[in-house]
Amino acid sequence: MSKRSVADLKIGERAIIESFNNQLMSLKLLEMGCLPGAEICLHSKAPLGDPICLNVAGYCLAMRKSEAATILIEK
């Protein structure tokens, strides 16, 4: 069974960041406040589904869906 990622969230759904599956992208995400153990919530999506807007660490963070797919979440 594969792990869920932030890209799998529905609007308004919350999750806890567990880990990352891309080492290079993880450094960028850590610098933006996406830390393991932090709560993340999908705020909105663009009309075609990409990019997405997340609430994390008290602010809105927009990212591509492919970047969000590298953030693994706890079930």
Protein backbone atom coordinates (compact mmCIF):
# COMPACT_ATOMS: atom_id res chain seq x y z
CA MET A 1 0.00 0.00 0.00
CA SER A 2 1.43 3.38 -0.98
CA LYS A 3 1.49 6.34 1.35
CA ARG A 4 -0.81 9.32 0.87
CA SER A 5 0.67 12.65 -0.11
CA VAL A 6 -0.50 16.24 0.18
CA ALA A 7 -1.53 16.03 -3.51
CA ASP A 8 -4.23 13.51 -2.45
CA LEU A 9 -5.97 15.89 0.01
CA LYS A 10 -9.44 17.28 -0.64
CA ILE A 11 -10.19 20.98 -0.05
CA GLY A 12 -10.53 21.62 3.69
CA GLU A 13 -8.88 18.32 4.66
CA ARG A 14 -6.12 18.43 7.27
CA ALA A 15 -3.15 16.13 7.74
CA ILE A 16 0.17 15.87 9.56
CA ILE A 17 3.39 15.88 7.54
CA GLU A 18 5.25 12.62 8.07
CA SER A 19 8.20 12.68 5.66
CA PHE A 20 9.35 13.44 2.11
CA ASN A 21 10.10 11.14 -0.81
CA ASN A 22 12.45 13.49 -2.72
CA GLN A 23 15.66 14.56 -1.01
CA LEU A 24 16.30 17.64 -3.19
CA MET A 25 12.73 18.90 -2.92
CA SER A 26 12.64 18.23 0.83
CA LEU A 27 15.28 20.91 1.51
CA LYS A 28 13.20 23.51 -0.34
CA LEU A 29 10.03 22.43 1.48
CA LEU A 30 11.74 22.50 4.89
CA GLU A 31 12.89 26.07 4.22
CA MET A 32 9.27 27.00 3.45
CA GLY A 33 8.05 25.65 6.80
CA CYS A 34 6.84 22.18 5.79
CA LEU A 35 8.34 20.38 8.77
CA PRO A 36 7.60 16.79 9.79
CA GLY A 37 4.93 16.88 12.49
CA ALA A 38 3.39 20.14 11.21
CA GLU A 39 -0.31 20.26 10.41
CA ILE A 40 -1.15 21.11 6.82
CA CYS A 41 -4.53 21.93 5.26
CA LEU A 42 -5.50 22.16 1.61
CA HIS A 43 -7.05 25.62 1.26
CA SER A 44 -7.83 25.77 -2.48
CA LYS A 45 -6.94 24.59 -5.95
CA ALA A 46 -6.59 26.46 -9.24
CA PRO A 47 -9.44 25.88 -11.71
CA LEU A 48 -7.54 23.11 -13.52
CA GLY A 49 -6.24 21.60 -10.25
CA ASP A 50 -2.67 22.90 -10.41
CA PRO A 51 -1.22 24.79 -8.52
CA ILE A 52 -2.69 24.30 -5.04
CA CYS A 53 -2.76 26.53 -1.97
CA LEU A 54 -1.93 25.07 1.45
CA ASN A 55 -2.16 26.45 4.97
CA VAL A 56 0.98 25.50 6.87
CA ALA A 57 2.75 27.12 9.83
CA GLY A 58 0.22 29.97 9.89
CA TYR A 59 0.50 31.12 6.29
CA CYS A 60 -0.68 30.23 2.77
CA LEU A 61 1.78 28.39 0.58
CA ALA A 62 1.17 27.85 -3.13
CA MET A 63 2.95 25.00 -4.91
CA ARG A 64 2.70 22.73 -7.90
CA LYS A 65 0.82 19.50 -7.44
CA SER A 66 4.00 17.58 -8.40
CA GLU A 67 5.82 19.26 -5.50
CA ALA A 68 2.95 18.46 -3.13
CA ALA A 69 3.18 14.80 -4.16
CA THR A 70 6.63 14.62 -2.53
CA ILE A 71 5.17 15.44 0.93
CA LEU A 72 4.00 12.24 2.60
CA ILE A 73 1.29 12.53 5.27
CA GLU A 74 0.08 10.44 8.19
CA LYS A 75 -3.23 8.67 7.74
